N, C-alpha and C. Protein backbone atom coordinates (compact mmCIF):
# COMPACT_ATOMS: atom_id res chain seq x y z
N MET A 1 172.44 -4.59 48.34
CA MET A 1 172.89 -3.24 47.95
C MET A 1 174.13 -3.38 47.04
N ASP A 2 174.11 -2.65 46.00
CA ASP A 2 175.35 -2.64 45.10
C ASP A 2 176.40 -1.79 45.70
N LYS A 3 177.51 -2.47 46.16
CA LYS A 3 178.51 -1.72 46.86
C LYS A 3 179.28 -0.74 45.97
N ASP A 4 179.16 -0.83 44.69
CA ASP A 4 179.88 0.07 43.78
C ASP A 4 179.04 1.37 43.55
N SER A 5 177.82 1.40 44.11
CA SER A 5 176.94 2.56 43.97
C SER A 5 176.60 3.07 45.34
N PRO A 6 176.70 4.43 45.51
CA PRO A 6 176.38 4.94 46.89
C PRO A 6 174.98 4.59 47.35
N GLY A 7 174.88 4.18 48.61
CA GLY A 7 173.58 3.87 49.17
C GLY A 7 173.17 4.96 50.10
N ARG A 8 172.60 4.69 51.26
CA ARG A 8 172.13 5.71 52.20
C ARG A 8 172.74 5.42 53.57
N GLY A 9 173.09 6.43 54.31
CA GLY A 9 173.66 6.23 55.66
C GLY A 9 174.84 5.32 55.68
N ILE A 10 175.88 5.70 54.95
CA ILE A 10 177.04 4.83 54.75
C ILE A 10 178.33 5.56 55.07
N LEU A 11 179.30 4.87 55.66
CA LEU A 11 180.65 5.42 55.74
C LEU A 11 181.52 4.62 54.74
N TYR A 12 182.10 5.37 53.78
CA TYR A 12 183.01 4.79 52.85
C TYR A 12 184.48 5.09 53.34
N VAL A 13 185.22 4.02 53.44
CA VAL A 13 186.68 4.21 53.87
C VAL A 13 187.49 4.15 52.53
N VAL A 14 187.86 5.38 52.09
CA VAL A 14 188.38 5.53 50.78
C VAL A 14 189.94 5.66 50.73
N SER A 15 190.63 4.79 50.09
CA SER A 15 192.08 4.85 49.97
C SER A 15 192.41 5.91 48.89
N THR A 16 193.45 6.75 49.13
CA THR A 16 193.86 7.76 48.18
C THR A 16 195.34 7.59 47.95
N PRO A 17 195.86 8.19 46.89
CA PRO A 17 197.28 7.97 46.50
C PRO A 17 198.24 8.41 47.60
N ILE A 18 199.37 7.72 47.68
CA ILE A 18 200.42 8.02 48.64
C ILE A 18 201.43 9.00 48.06
N GLY A 19 201.26 9.26 46.77
CA GLY A 19 202.13 10.19 46.07
C GLY A 19 201.70 10.55 44.67
N ASN A 20 201.72 9.55 43.88
CA ASN A 20 201.34 9.78 42.48
C ASN A 20 199.80 9.75 42.33
N MET A 21 199.24 10.82 41.92
CA MET A 21 197.76 10.92 41.86
C MET A 21 197.13 10.01 40.90
N ASP A 22 197.86 9.53 39.89
CA ASP A 22 197.32 8.60 38.97
C ASP A 22 196.99 7.25 39.56
N ASP A 23 197.40 7.03 40.84
CA ASP A 23 197.13 5.75 41.54
C ASP A 23 195.72 5.72 42.09
N ILE A 24 194.95 6.81 42.03
CA ILE A 24 193.58 6.80 42.42
C ILE A 24 192.78 5.78 41.60
N THR A 25 191.83 5.11 42.26
CA THR A 25 191.07 4.09 41.52
C THR A 25 189.78 4.72 40.95
N LEU A 26 189.25 4.19 39.89
CA LEU A 26 187.99 4.67 39.34
C LEU A 26 186.87 4.63 40.33
N ARG A 27 186.89 3.56 41.12
CA ARG A 27 185.80 3.43 42.14
C ARG A 27 185.91 4.48 43.20
N ALA A 28 187.12 4.81 43.60
CA ALA A 28 187.32 5.91 44.58
C ALA A 28 186.82 7.24 44.04
N LEU A 29 187.13 7.51 42.79
CA LEU A 29 186.70 8.79 42.23
C LEU A 29 185.13 8.87 42.12
N LYS A 30 184.54 7.76 41.83
CA LYS A 30 183.03 7.61 41.70
C LYS A 30 182.51 7.90 43.15
N ILE A 31 183.00 7.31 44.18
CA ILE A 31 182.47 7.53 45.54
C ILE A 31 182.69 8.96 46.02
N LEU A 32 183.89 9.47 45.84
CA LEU A 32 184.17 10.81 46.26
C LEU A 32 183.32 11.86 45.54
N SER A 33 182.91 11.60 44.34
CA SER A 33 182.03 12.46 43.58
C SER A 33 180.60 12.46 44.03
N HIS A 34 180.15 11.34 44.69
CA HIS A 34 178.70 11.17 44.93
C HIS A 34 178.33 11.25 46.39
N VAL A 35 179.25 11.13 47.35
CA VAL A 35 178.90 11.21 48.74
C VAL A 35 178.46 12.55 49.12
N ASP A 36 177.86 12.72 50.30
CA ASP A 36 177.35 14.05 50.72
C ASP A 36 178.54 14.84 51.39
N LEU A 37 179.50 14.15 51.93
CA LEU A 37 180.48 14.85 52.64
C LEU A 37 181.83 13.98 52.68
N ILE A 38 182.95 14.69 52.66
CA ILE A 38 184.25 13.97 52.78
C ILE A 38 184.93 14.43 54.10
N ALA A 39 185.22 13.47 54.94
CA ALA A 39 185.94 13.73 56.17
C ALA A 39 187.49 13.46 55.91
N ALA A 40 188.25 14.54 55.96
CA ALA A 40 189.63 14.48 55.47
C ALA A 40 190.60 14.80 56.59
N GLU A 41 191.62 14.00 56.75
CA GLU A 41 192.69 14.26 57.72
C GLU A 41 193.47 15.55 57.38
N ASP A 42 193.70 15.73 56.13
CA ASP A 42 194.43 16.95 55.67
C ASP A 42 193.62 17.57 54.47
N THR A 43 192.84 18.57 54.81
CA THR A 43 191.91 19.17 53.75
C THR A 43 192.69 19.78 52.61
N ARG A 44 193.87 20.37 52.91
CA ARG A 44 194.66 20.93 51.84
C ARG A 44 195.13 19.91 50.84
N ARG A 45 195.58 18.84 51.36
CA ARG A 45 196.07 17.73 50.48
C ARG A 45 194.93 17.13 49.73
N THR A 46 193.80 16.89 50.40
CA THR A 46 192.67 16.26 49.71
C THR A 46 192.07 17.22 48.76
N ARG A 47 192.10 18.50 49.00
CA ARG A 47 191.55 19.49 48.11
C ARG A 47 192.32 19.46 46.74
N LYS A 48 193.57 19.27 46.80
CA LYS A 48 194.42 19.20 45.64
C LYS A 48 194.03 17.96 44.75
N LEU A 49 193.78 16.84 45.42
CA LEU A 49 193.27 15.67 44.77
C LEU A 49 191.93 15.81 44.09
N LEU A 50 191.00 16.49 44.85
CA LEU A 50 189.63 16.66 44.31
C LEU A 50 189.72 17.64 43.10
N SER A 51 190.54 18.67 43.24
CA SER A 51 190.65 19.64 42.14
C SER A 51 191.25 19.05 40.91
N ARG A 52 192.16 18.07 41.06
CA ARG A 52 192.76 17.42 39.93
C ARG A 52 191.73 16.68 39.13
N PHE A 53 190.74 16.07 39.79
CA PHE A 53 189.72 15.26 39.08
C PHE A 53 188.34 15.93 39.03
N ASP A 54 188.35 17.28 39.27
CA ASP A 54 187.18 18.06 39.16
C ASP A 54 186.05 17.61 40.00
N ILE A 55 186.28 17.32 41.27
CA ILE A 55 185.31 16.88 42.26
C ILE A 55 185.04 18.01 43.24
N HIS A 56 183.76 18.27 43.44
CA HIS A 56 183.36 19.43 44.25
C HIS A 56 182.61 19.10 45.51
N THR A 57 182.76 17.86 46.04
CA THR A 57 182.07 17.48 47.22
C THR A 57 182.60 18.25 48.43
N PRO A 58 181.59 18.64 49.31
CA PRO A 58 182.01 19.40 50.58
C PRO A 58 183.02 18.63 51.37
N LEU A 59 184.01 19.34 51.86
CA LEU A 59 185.15 18.75 52.54
C LEU A 59 185.21 19.29 54.00
N VAL A 60 185.32 18.43 55.00
CA VAL A 60 185.37 18.79 56.39
C VAL A 60 186.67 18.12 57.05
N SER A 61 187.41 18.97 57.85
CA SER A 61 188.61 18.37 58.44
C SER A 61 188.31 17.37 59.53
N TYR A 62 189.12 16.36 59.58
CA TYR A 62 188.93 15.34 60.64
C TYR A 62 190.30 14.78 60.93
N PHE A 63 190.95 15.29 62.07
CA PHE A 63 192.30 14.86 62.36
C PHE A 63 192.43 14.71 63.83
N GLU A 64 193.62 14.37 64.29
CA GLU A 64 193.85 13.87 65.72
C GLU A 64 193.33 14.86 66.72
N HIS A 65 193.54 16.16 66.50
CA HIS A 65 193.22 17.20 67.52
C HIS A 65 191.80 17.70 67.47
N ASN A 66 191.02 17.33 66.46
CA ASN A 66 189.58 17.75 66.47
C ASN A 66 188.65 16.53 66.35
N GLU A 67 189.21 15.39 66.42
CA GLU A 67 188.35 14.19 66.14
C GLU A 67 187.18 14.02 67.07
N LEU A 68 187.44 14.22 68.42
CA LEU A 68 186.30 14.01 69.37
C LEU A 68 185.22 15.05 69.14
N ARG A 69 185.57 16.25 68.72
CA ARG A 69 184.65 17.30 68.54
C ARG A 69 183.89 17.07 67.28
N LYS A 70 184.45 16.48 66.22
CA LYS A 70 183.82 16.26 64.94
C LYS A 70 183.16 14.95 64.85
N LEU A 71 183.46 13.99 65.74
CA LEU A 71 183.00 12.60 65.64
C LEU A 71 181.47 12.53 65.63
N ASP A 72 180.83 13.16 66.54
CA ASP A 72 179.33 13.12 66.69
C ASP A 72 178.66 13.77 65.45
N LYS A 73 179.33 14.79 64.98
CA LYS A 73 178.74 15.46 63.78
C LYS A 73 178.65 14.50 62.59
N PHE A 74 179.75 13.79 62.31
CA PHE A 74 179.79 12.88 61.18
C PHE A 74 178.76 11.72 61.46
N LEU A 75 178.77 11.22 62.61
CA LEU A 75 177.86 10.07 62.97
C LEU A 75 176.44 10.56 62.85
N SER A 76 176.12 11.77 63.27
CA SER A 76 174.72 12.34 63.16
C SER A 76 174.29 12.40 61.70
N HIS A 77 175.23 12.83 60.83
CA HIS A 77 174.92 12.94 59.37
C HIS A 77 174.53 11.56 58.84
N MET A 78 175.34 10.58 59.26
CA MET A 78 175.07 9.24 58.67
C MET A 78 173.81 8.60 59.19
N LYS A 79 173.55 8.85 60.51
CA LYS A 79 172.30 8.33 61.08
C LYS A 79 171.09 8.93 60.39
N LYS A 80 171.21 10.15 59.80
CA LYS A 80 170.12 10.79 59.11
C LYS A 80 170.08 10.35 57.53
N GLY A 81 170.87 9.42 57.26
CA GLY A 81 170.87 8.85 55.89
C GLY A 81 171.92 9.45 54.98
N LYS A 82 172.83 10.30 55.46
CA LYS A 82 173.90 10.81 54.59
C LYS A 82 175.04 9.87 54.41
N GLU A 83 175.68 10.06 53.39
CA GLU A 83 176.88 9.28 52.99
C GLU A 83 178.15 10.06 53.27
N VAL A 84 179.08 9.50 54.00
CA VAL A 84 180.31 10.14 54.29
C VAL A 84 181.50 9.32 53.83
N ALA A 85 182.51 9.99 53.17
CA ALA A 85 183.68 9.31 52.71
C ALA A 85 184.81 9.78 53.70
N LEU A 86 185.51 8.79 54.28
CA LEU A 86 186.66 9.08 55.11
C LEU A 86 187.95 8.89 54.34
N VAL A 87 188.78 9.89 54.32
CA VAL A 87 190.08 9.84 53.63
C VAL A 87 191.22 10.32 54.60
N SER A 88 192.38 9.69 54.48
CA SER A 88 193.47 10.16 55.25
C SER A 88 194.30 11.13 54.36
N ASP A 89 195.41 11.62 54.87
CA ASP A 89 196.20 12.59 54.03
C ASP A 89 196.81 11.81 52.90
N ALA A 90 197.04 10.48 53.04
CA ALA A 90 197.50 9.64 51.90
C ALA A 90 197.39 8.16 52.32
N GLY A 91 197.04 7.36 51.32
CA GLY A 91 196.94 5.91 51.61
C GLY A 91 195.58 5.49 52.17
N THR A 92 195.60 4.46 52.96
CA THR A 92 194.39 3.84 53.45
C THR A 92 193.97 4.41 54.84
N PRO A 93 192.83 4.94 55.03
CA PRO A 93 192.36 5.46 56.31
C PRO A 93 192.43 4.49 57.41
N GLY A 94 192.72 4.95 58.60
CA GLY A 94 192.77 4.04 59.78
C GLY A 94 194.10 3.42 60.05
N ILE A 95 195.00 3.61 59.13
CA ILE A 95 196.39 3.05 59.33
C ILE A 95 197.30 4.18 59.86
N SER A 96 197.54 4.14 61.18
CA SER A 96 198.33 5.16 61.83
C SER A 96 197.67 6.63 61.70
N ASP A 97 196.40 6.65 61.71
CA ASP A 97 195.68 7.91 61.73
C ASP A 97 194.46 7.77 62.60
N PRO A 98 193.82 8.88 62.98
CA PRO A 98 192.64 8.80 63.89
C PRO A 98 191.37 8.26 63.25
N GLY A 99 191.35 8.00 61.97
CA GLY A 99 190.20 7.51 61.25
C GLY A 99 189.60 6.31 61.82
N TYR A 100 190.38 5.47 62.53
CA TYR A 100 189.78 4.25 63.01
C TYR A 100 188.68 4.45 64.08
N ARG A 101 188.82 5.58 64.79
CA ARG A 101 187.75 5.86 65.78
C ARG A 101 186.45 6.10 65.15
N LEU A 102 186.33 6.82 64.07
CA LEU A 102 185.13 7.04 63.31
C LEU A 102 184.61 5.69 62.77
N ILE A 103 185.47 4.94 62.25
CA ILE A 103 184.99 3.64 61.78
C ILE A 103 184.47 2.79 62.92
N GLN A 104 185.15 2.75 64.00
CA GLN A 104 184.69 1.99 65.16
C GLN A 104 183.35 2.42 65.67
N GLN A 105 183.15 3.74 65.76
CA GLN A 105 181.84 4.27 66.27
C GLN A 105 180.72 4.05 65.28
N ALA A 106 181.05 4.15 63.97
CA ALA A 106 180.03 3.84 62.98
C ALA A 106 179.54 2.37 63.09
N ILE A 107 180.48 1.47 63.24
CA ILE A 107 180.12 0.07 63.36
C ILE A 107 179.24 -0.14 64.60
N GLU A 108 179.58 0.47 65.73
CA GLU A 108 178.85 0.33 67.00
C GLU A 108 177.41 0.84 66.86
N ARG A 109 177.21 1.84 66.00
CA ARG A 109 175.91 2.45 65.81
C ARG A 109 175.11 1.86 64.62
N GLY A 110 175.64 0.78 64.08
CA GLY A 110 174.91 0.06 63.07
C GLY A 110 174.98 0.68 61.72
N ILE A 111 175.90 1.58 61.53
CA ILE A 111 176.08 2.23 60.16
C ILE A 111 176.95 1.37 59.31
N GLN A 112 176.52 1.20 58.04
CA GLN A 112 177.27 0.37 57.15
C GLN A 112 178.67 1.00 56.79
N VAL A 113 179.70 0.17 56.90
CA VAL A 113 181.06 0.62 56.58
C VAL A 113 181.51 -0.14 55.33
N ILE A 114 181.95 0.57 54.32
CA ILE A 114 182.30 -0.05 53.09
C ILE A 114 183.72 0.38 52.67
N PRO A 115 184.59 -0.54 52.45
CA PRO A 115 185.96 -0.20 52.04
C PRO A 115 186.10 0.06 50.57
N ILE A 116 186.86 1.10 50.23
CA ILE A 116 187.19 1.38 48.83
C ILE A 116 188.72 1.23 48.73
N PRO A 117 189.21 0.04 48.47
CA PRO A 117 190.62 -0.26 48.62
C PRO A 117 191.46 0.49 47.59
N GLY A 118 192.78 0.57 47.95
CA GLY A 118 193.67 1.23 47.08
C GLY A 118 195.03 1.33 47.69
N PRO A 119 195.82 2.37 47.49
CA PRO A 119 197.21 2.45 47.96
C PRO A 119 197.37 2.42 49.47
N SER A 120 198.48 1.80 49.80
CA SER A 120 198.89 1.76 51.26
C SER A 120 200.42 1.67 51.25
N ALA A 121 201.06 2.56 51.98
CA ALA A 121 202.50 2.68 52.07
C ALA A 121 203.02 1.35 52.68
N VAL A 122 202.32 0.81 53.59
CA VAL A 122 202.77 -0.51 54.20
C VAL A 122 202.96 -1.55 53.17
N ILE A 123 201.91 -1.83 52.42
CA ILE A 123 201.96 -2.91 51.44
C ILE A 123 202.90 -2.56 50.27
N THR A 124 202.93 -1.30 49.88
CA THR A 124 203.78 -0.88 48.77
C THR A 124 205.24 -1.09 49.07
N ALA A 125 205.65 -0.65 50.34
CA ALA A 125 207.01 -0.86 50.72
C ALA A 125 207.33 -2.35 50.81
N LEU A 126 206.52 -3.12 51.42
CA LEU A 126 206.72 -4.59 51.56
C LEU A 126 206.80 -5.25 50.24
N SER A 127 206.05 -4.86 49.29
CA SER A 127 206.03 -5.53 47.96
C SER A 127 207.30 -5.36 47.13
N ILE A 128 208.11 -4.26 47.44
CA ILE A 128 209.36 -4.09 46.72
C ILE A 128 210.55 -4.36 47.61
N SER A 129 210.39 -4.80 48.86
CA SER A 129 211.44 -4.95 49.73
C SER A 129 212.40 -6.07 49.42
N GLY A 130 211.81 -7.15 48.81
CA GLY A 130 212.59 -8.36 48.63
C GLY A 130 212.74 -9.24 49.86
N LEU A 131 212.05 -8.79 50.98
CA LEU A 131 212.05 -9.58 52.15
C LEU A 131 210.78 -10.47 52.26
N ALA A 132 210.77 -11.37 53.17
CA ALA A 132 209.74 -12.40 53.22
C ALA A 132 208.41 -11.75 53.49
N THR A 133 207.34 -12.17 52.80
CA THR A 133 205.99 -11.59 52.92
C THR A 133 204.94 -12.55 53.50
N ASP A 134 205.41 -13.78 53.85
CA ASP A 134 204.52 -14.81 54.34
C ASP A 134 203.91 -14.40 55.75
N SER A 135 204.64 -13.63 56.41
CA SER A 135 204.23 -13.12 57.78
C SER A 135 204.84 -11.84 58.03
N PHE A 136 204.06 -10.78 58.42
CA PHE A 136 204.68 -9.47 58.71
C PHE A 136 203.85 -8.76 59.78
N TYR A 137 204.57 -7.83 60.49
CA TYR A 137 203.96 -7.12 61.57
C TYR A 137 204.12 -5.58 61.32
N PHE A 138 203.09 -4.81 61.37
CA PHE A 138 203.13 -3.40 61.16
C PHE A 138 203.22 -2.72 62.54
N ALA A 139 204.32 -1.92 62.77
CA ALA A 139 204.47 -1.29 64.05
C ALA A 139 204.08 0.16 64.10
N GLY A 140 203.82 0.80 62.94
CA GLY A 140 203.45 2.17 62.83
C GLY A 140 204.62 3.04 63.18
N PHE A 141 204.48 4.08 63.93
CA PHE A 141 205.57 4.96 64.35
C PHE A 141 206.01 4.44 65.71
N LEU A 142 207.30 4.29 65.91
CA LEU A 142 207.86 3.92 67.25
C LEU A 142 207.56 5.08 68.23
N PRO A 143 207.29 4.70 69.49
CA PRO A 143 207.27 5.73 70.52
C PRO A 143 208.60 6.51 70.47
N LYS A 144 208.51 7.81 70.79
CA LYS A 144 209.68 8.67 70.65
C LYS A 144 210.78 8.33 71.60
N LYS A 145 210.46 7.89 72.87
CA LYS A 145 211.43 7.58 73.79
C LYS A 145 210.86 6.75 75.01
N GLY A 146 211.76 6.41 75.92
CA GLY A 146 211.25 5.73 77.06
C GLY A 146 211.06 4.25 77.06
N GLY A 147 210.41 3.76 78.09
CA GLY A 147 210.21 2.28 78.20
C GLY A 147 209.42 1.68 77.08
N LYS A 148 208.38 2.45 76.65
CA LYS A 148 207.54 1.92 75.55
C LYS A 148 208.30 1.71 74.24
N ARG A 149 209.21 2.64 73.91
CA ARG A 149 210.07 2.47 72.77
C ARG A 149 211.02 1.22 72.92
N ARG A 150 211.63 1.10 74.02
CA ARG A 150 212.50 0.03 74.23
C ARG A 150 211.78 -1.33 74.16
N LYS A 151 210.57 -1.38 74.75
CA LYS A 151 209.73 -2.57 74.71
C LYS A 151 209.37 -3.00 73.26
N LEU A 152 208.98 -2.02 72.45
CA LEU A 152 208.61 -2.33 71.12
C LEU A 152 209.84 -2.72 70.29
N LEU A 153 211.00 -2.08 70.46
CA LEU A 153 212.25 -2.44 69.78
C LEU A 153 212.63 -3.91 70.11
N ASP A 154 212.47 -4.26 71.39
CA ASP A 154 212.78 -5.62 71.80
C ASP A 154 211.87 -6.59 71.18
N LYS A 155 210.57 -6.23 71.07
CA LYS A 155 209.58 -7.10 70.38
C LYS A 155 210.01 -7.34 68.93
N LEU A 156 210.32 -6.25 68.20
CA LEU A 156 210.79 -6.41 66.83
C LEU A 156 211.99 -7.28 66.71
N GLY A 157 212.90 -7.20 67.68
CA GLY A 157 214.07 -8.02 67.68
C GLY A 157 213.78 -9.52 67.80
N ASP A 158 212.63 -9.86 68.38
CA ASP A 158 212.28 -11.26 68.62
C ASP A 158 211.33 -11.84 67.58
N LEU A 159 210.82 -11.03 66.68
CA LEU A 159 209.88 -11.46 65.73
C LEU A 159 210.49 -12.24 64.60
N ASP A 160 209.87 -13.40 64.18
CA ASP A 160 210.30 -14.17 63.11
C ASP A 160 209.98 -13.61 61.78
N GLY A 161 208.73 -12.92 61.76
CA GLY A 161 208.25 -12.34 60.49
C GLY A 161 208.85 -10.97 60.20
N THR A 162 208.64 -10.47 59.01
CA THR A 162 209.12 -9.18 58.65
C THR A 162 208.35 -8.06 59.40
N SER A 163 209.02 -7.08 59.70
CA SER A 163 208.45 -5.91 60.40
C SER A 163 208.39 -4.65 59.55
N ILE A 164 207.35 -3.87 59.65
CA ILE A 164 207.23 -2.61 58.84
C ILE A 164 206.96 -1.45 59.82
N LEU A 165 207.62 -0.40 59.64
CA LEU A 165 207.33 0.79 60.45
C LEU A 165 207.47 2.12 59.68
N TYR A 166 206.87 3.12 60.19
CA TYR A 166 206.98 4.48 59.65
C TYR A 166 208.03 5.27 60.48
N GLU A 167 208.68 6.19 59.78
CA GLU A 167 209.55 7.08 60.56
C GLU A 167 209.65 8.46 59.86
N SER A 168 209.94 9.44 60.64
CA SER A 168 210.10 10.81 60.09
C SER A 168 211.60 10.92 59.76
N PRO A 169 211.98 11.88 58.80
CA PRO A 169 213.36 12.03 58.43
C PRO A 169 214.26 12.42 59.57
N HIS A 170 213.85 13.32 60.45
CA HIS A 170 214.80 13.72 61.52
C HIS A 170 215.03 12.72 62.56
N ARG A 171 214.22 11.63 62.63
CA ARG A 171 214.42 10.59 63.60
C ARG A 171 214.98 9.32 63.03
N LEU A 172 215.17 9.28 61.66
CA LEU A 172 215.52 8.09 61.00
C LEU A 172 216.85 7.47 61.55
N MET A 173 217.93 8.24 61.60
CA MET A 173 219.18 7.70 62.02
C MET A 173 219.09 7.18 63.39
N LYS A 174 218.46 7.86 64.36
CA LYS A 174 218.36 7.40 65.71
C LYS A 174 217.61 6.00 65.76
N THR A 175 216.58 5.93 64.96
CA THR A 175 215.81 4.70 64.86
C THR A 175 216.59 3.57 64.28
N LEU A 176 217.42 3.83 63.23
CA LEU A 176 218.30 2.76 62.69
C LEU A 176 219.28 2.28 63.67
N GLU A 177 219.85 3.24 64.44
CA GLU A 177 220.83 2.82 65.48
C GLU A 177 220.22 2.00 66.54
N ASP A 178 219.00 2.37 66.98
CA ASP A 178 218.30 1.58 67.93
C ASP A 178 217.90 0.22 67.46
N LEU A 179 217.53 0.12 66.19
CA LEU A 179 217.19 -1.19 65.53
C LEU A 179 218.43 -2.06 65.52
N LEU A 180 219.57 -1.45 65.17
CA LEU A 180 220.83 -2.24 65.17
C LEU A 180 221.12 -2.83 66.55
N GLU A 181 220.89 -2.02 67.57
CA GLU A 181 221.17 -2.58 68.97
C GLU A 181 220.20 -3.58 69.32
N ALA A 182 218.88 -3.46 69.01
CA ALA A 182 217.89 -4.32 69.47
C ALA A 182 217.73 -5.56 68.60
N CYS A 183 218.01 -5.46 67.30
CA CYS A 183 217.76 -6.53 66.35
C CYS A 183 219.01 -7.14 65.78
N ARG A 184 220.22 -6.64 66.11
CA ARG A 184 221.43 -6.99 65.57
C ARG A 184 221.52 -6.61 64.12
N ASP A 185 222.51 -6.99 63.36
CA ASP A 185 222.72 -6.42 62.03
C ASP A 185 222.09 -7.28 60.99
N ARG A 186 220.78 -7.13 60.85
CA ARG A 186 219.99 -7.95 59.90
C ARG A 186 219.64 -7.09 58.70
N GLN A 187 219.03 -7.66 57.65
CA GLN A 187 218.69 -6.98 56.45
C GLN A 187 217.51 -6.02 56.75
N ILE A 188 217.65 -4.88 56.01
CA ILE A 188 216.59 -3.83 56.18
C ILE A 188 216.43 -3.05 54.84
N VAL A 189 215.32 -2.52 54.63
CA VAL A 189 215.08 -1.67 53.46
C VAL A 189 214.43 -0.41 53.92
N VAL A 190 214.98 0.76 53.62
CA VAL A 190 214.37 2.04 53.95
C VAL A 190 213.89 2.65 52.65
N THR A 191 212.52 2.79 52.53
CA THR A 191 211.92 3.32 51.36
C THR A 191 211.59 4.80 51.58
N ARG A 192 211.76 5.56 50.53
CA ARG A 192 211.51 7.03 50.66
C ARG A 192 210.74 7.54 49.51
N GLU A 193 209.69 8.38 49.78
CA GLU A 193 208.96 9.03 48.69
C GLU A 193 208.36 7.98 47.69
N LEU A 194 207.74 7.00 48.19
CA LEU A 194 207.18 5.93 47.30
C LEU A 194 206.18 6.49 46.35
N THR A 195 206.24 6.09 45.12
CA THR A 195 205.41 6.42 43.98
C THR A 195 205.67 7.91 43.43
N LYS A 196 206.61 8.64 44.05
CA LYS A 196 206.90 10.01 43.74
C LYS A 196 208.12 10.07 42.82
N ALA A 197 208.39 11.29 42.38
CA ALA A 197 209.54 11.43 41.41
C ALA A 197 210.85 10.99 41.95
N PHE A 198 211.06 11.17 43.25
CA PHE A 198 212.38 10.82 43.85
C PHE A 198 212.30 9.54 44.67
N GLU A 199 211.44 8.65 44.27
CA GLU A 199 211.22 7.39 45.01
C GLU A 199 212.64 6.64 45.13
N GLU A 200 212.83 6.02 46.29
CA GLU A 200 214.14 5.39 46.53
C GLU A 200 213.95 4.26 47.51
N ALA A 201 214.75 3.20 47.31
CA ALA A 201 214.79 2.09 48.24
C ALA A 201 216.27 1.83 48.61
N ILE A 202 216.62 1.96 49.84
CA ILE A 202 218.01 1.74 50.25
C ILE A 202 218.07 0.39 50.98
N ARG A 203 218.80 -0.58 50.43
CA ARG A 203 218.81 -1.94 50.96
C ARG A 203 220.18 -2.32 51.47
N GLY A 204 220.15 -3.28 52.44
CA GLY A 204 221.41 -3.78 53.00
C GLY A 204 221.24 -4.12 54.48
N ARG A 205 222.32 -4.47 55.08
CA ARG A 205 222.29 -4.77 56.52
C ARG A 205 222.10 -3.30 57.23
N ILE A 206 221.56 -3.38 58.46
CA ILE A 206 221.35 -2.12 59.12
C ILE A 206 222.55 -1.22 59.18
N SER A 207 223.72 -1.87 59.55
CA SER A 207 224.97 -1.05 59.63
C SER A 207 225.30 -0.44 58.24
N GLU A 208 225.08 -1.20 57.15
CA GLU A 208 225.38 -0.68 55.80
C GLU A 208 224.48 0.50 55.43
N VAL A 209 223.18 0.42 55.83
CA VAL A 209 222.27 1.46 55.48
C VAL A 209 222.60 2.68 56.32
N ILE A 210 222.99 2.50 57.52
CA ILE A 210 223.43 3.70 58.40
C ILE A 210 224.61 4.35 57.72
N ASN A 211 225.60 3.58 57.24
CA ASN A 211 226.78 4.17 56.58
C ASN A 211 226.41 4.89 55.32
N THR A 212 225.48 4.37 54.59
CA THR A 212 225.03 4.96 53.30
C THR A 212 224.41 6.26 53.57
N LEU A 213 223.58 6.36 54.68
CA LEU A 213 222.77 7.58 54.93
C LEU A 213 223.60 8.62 55.78
N LYS A 214 224.71 8.16 56.39
CA LYS A 214 225.43 9.08 57.26
C LYS A 214 225.84 10.35 56.52
N GLY A 215 225.46 11.54 57.18
CA GLY A 215 225.85 12.80 56.60
C GLY A 215 224.90 13.29 55.52
N ARG A 216 223.93 12.47 55.17
CA ARG A 216 223.03 12.81 54.12
C ARG A 216 221.74 13.50 54.75
N LYS A 217 221.22 14.57 54.08
CA LYS A 217 220.03 15.20 54.47
C LYS A 217 218.88 14.43 53.94
N ILE A 218 218.06 13.78 54.81
CA ILE A 218 216.97 12.98 54.42
C ILE A 218 215.72 13.80 54.39
N LYS A 219 214.94 13.63 53.23
CA LYS A 219 213.63 14.33 53.08
C LYS A 219 212.62 13.30 52.72
N GLY A 220 211.39 13.66 52.92
CA GLY A 220 210.23 12.87 52.41
C GLY A 220 209.72 11.87 53.41
N GLU A 221 208.71 11.12 52.95
CA GLU A 221 208.05 10.15 53.84
C GLU A 221 208.81 8.85 53.67
N LEU A 222 208.92 8.19 54.91
CA LEU A 222 209.77 7.00 55.03
C LEU A 222 209.02 5.80 55.57
N THR A 223 209.23 4.65 54.96
CA THR A 223 208.67 3.44 55.42
C THR A 223 209.84 2.40 55.54
N ILE A 224 210.02 1.77 56.70
CA ILE A 224 211.13 0.88 56.91
C ILE A 224 210.64 -0.54 56.92
N VAL A 225 211.31 -1.44 56.22
CA VAL A 225 210.95 -2.88 56.16
C VAL A 225 212.16 -3.70 56.77
N LEU A 226 211.93 -4.44 57.85
CA LEU A 226 212.97 -5.15 58.56
C LEU A 226 212.85 -6.62 58.49
N ALA A 227 213.91 -7.29 58.16
CA ALA A 227 213.84 -8.83 58.09
C ALA A 227 213.56 -9.41 59.46
N GLY A 228 212.95 -10.51 59.49
CA GLY A 228 212.69 -11.23 60.79
C GLY A 228 213.93 -11.87 61.36
N LYS A 229 213.77 -12.24 62.68
CA LYS A 229 214.87 -12.79 63.42
C LYS A 229 215.34 -14.06 62.73
N GLY A 230 216.64 -14.14 62.47
CA GLY A 230 217.26 -15.33 61.93
C GLY A 230 217.06 -15.58 60.39
N ARG A 231 216.43 -14.58 59.79
CA ARG A 231 216.16 -14.70 58.33
C ARG A 231 217.13 -13.87 57.57
N LYS A 232 217.67 -14.42 56.44
CA LYS A 232 218.57 -13.65 55.61
C LYS A 232 217.77 -12.70 54.79
N ARG A 233 216.48 -13.08 54.46
CA ARG A 233 215.66 -12.18 53.65
C ARG A 233 214.29 -12.13 54.31
C-alpha cells in the first residue's frame, strides 16, 4: 500500500504545527483533506488550521474527558473501512495527550496505524537548547504535588542525559525552584512560544534563570530542557 495515499480502515497519526501554521507538511494537508473523519483534541484550534488551508473534512472532538465515550465510535468507523486522522491541539499526537489510547486500541484490533510526522515541541526545544542530544528523557508535565512529584524530581536529578518537560506559566517558578533543589544548579533552557511571534529561549544555570524571570509575568506554552547530571552542557 502506498503510505502517501489514503487506504481503507486506517488511523493516521498526523502532526500539526505547534504555533506557526506554515510548519504544516504537504503530506499532512493531503491526508487531512482525504480522510473520512478527523479526531481532534481541540476542535476550535484544529478548525482554524483546516480553515486556513480550505479543508472541510468532518471534525469530532477527542480529548481527555470524553475519550472513553468516543473511543469505540472511532474504532467502529475504522473497522468498517473508514479512515480517521488523529490530531492533537498542537504537535505530535500521543505526546502528553490522550491520543495514545486510540492508537493503542487500533493496534490491538489490527487496524493499520500510519504516522504523518511533523512538528513536536519536545524535539524543537531540544534542537535549539545547546544541550547534549545523544541521550534524553521526556518527562511530560510533572505531577502537581506529593510523593510522585518528589520521586520524579529526584529521578531527573540522577539522570546523565538531558531531560525535557512541559510546564504551565503559573507553575513555572515553583518548578524551577524544585529543580534547583533536586538537581542542583545546572544548565537549563526555558523555551516559550516556540515558532510563534514572541518565541524566546532563556538560558543559564537554574538560579540565573529564576533571577531572570523573577517578577515577570510569564505567558504562553513552555518547554524546559535540563542538562544531565555532571554535564556542563
